Every structure is written in C-alpha cells, then in structure tokens.
C-alpha cells in the first residue's frame, strides 16, 4: 500500500475510542550509520513524517517515512554518492509500515517495549522486518518513540561502495527518535 493510501486508511478506520498520533517533524529524526574498515559514516534526516493509530485494546498501526534526499552526513559529495547509490531519482523515500500490540497502560507517564512487525520499503524493495521499539508515553496523546536496528544492504540489493577495494560493511544501522502528538479529531 502506498504511504498516502496508508494514511487515508488510518483516518478512515479511526474510531471514537482510537487515537491518531502524528510525528512532529521539527523534533524528530531518522539516522543511519554504515561502517568501513577505515571509517564510519552517519547521516540524519529531520524531515520525518508519520502517523500512528492506537486503538482501544492496544492494537497499533503505523507508518513513518523520510525522503532519501533529506539525509545529511555533513559531506555533500558523500551525500550525493549515497543518493546515486540508492537511486533516489527512482526511489524517493524510505518507508516503514507496521503493526504492534501495546500492553495495557493504567497510568501516565508510562513506558513500553514492543516489537513492530511490518514492511520496510528501501531502495525499491519491500521486505518484512521486525523492529524493537521503546515507547515513553507522557500522556495518552503524547509519545516519544526510539528504536535502533540493522538492515542488510545486500538484502535490499544496494551496491555497497568500495574504498581502497574494500566494500562497506553489509549492515546499515537505522535509528529513529520520534516525538508524536495526538491530532485533533
């Protein structure tokens, strides 16, 4: 399902007892880290978009995305090469859509660790991923979500760049630090 379609589906399936939380792009961030025997490279995007639908009973549907062109490593040449390698002209976004089950929350603030099962759309490949997530709820309508997980560049058919005939490591570590707030109904 296309990202916009998922957002429309979330809005259409919202019930009076559910909450729709939106990612605050100004205070949220997605980042990556890739390693080479000689150095590490990291990049960040502050242009994160996303929604999470929390239903009564704890069921969660979510979608998070960021434009590939928005990731900044601090080195313009390196970023341009990363966009070429990821074929940003064809595959503009990295997108994750998933579902999870939150444990019951009796009082706030509250915290929960859960696994989100879903689909990562990266470099034109849509593959199943299970992502560990930590959620801190300040209130029923305000959450801070963090995660860190690794994806295989080979699995997503990303041609790993070489330096001195040595390719980047296969693992790309993805981190998310997201602040969400309930949208008005």
Foldseek 3Di string as FASTA:
>chain_A
DDPVVVVVVLVVPADPQKFKKKWDLQPKKKKKWWAFPVGIFMWMASQKTKMWIAHPQFKIKMKIKDFLLRIDRPDVVVSVVSCVLLVCVVVGMWMWIWMWGFDDDDDPQDKDKTWTWTWICGSNDTDIDIWIKIWTHRDPFKIWIKTKDWDFCVVSPGDFDDDPNTGIDRIMIMMITTIIGTDDD
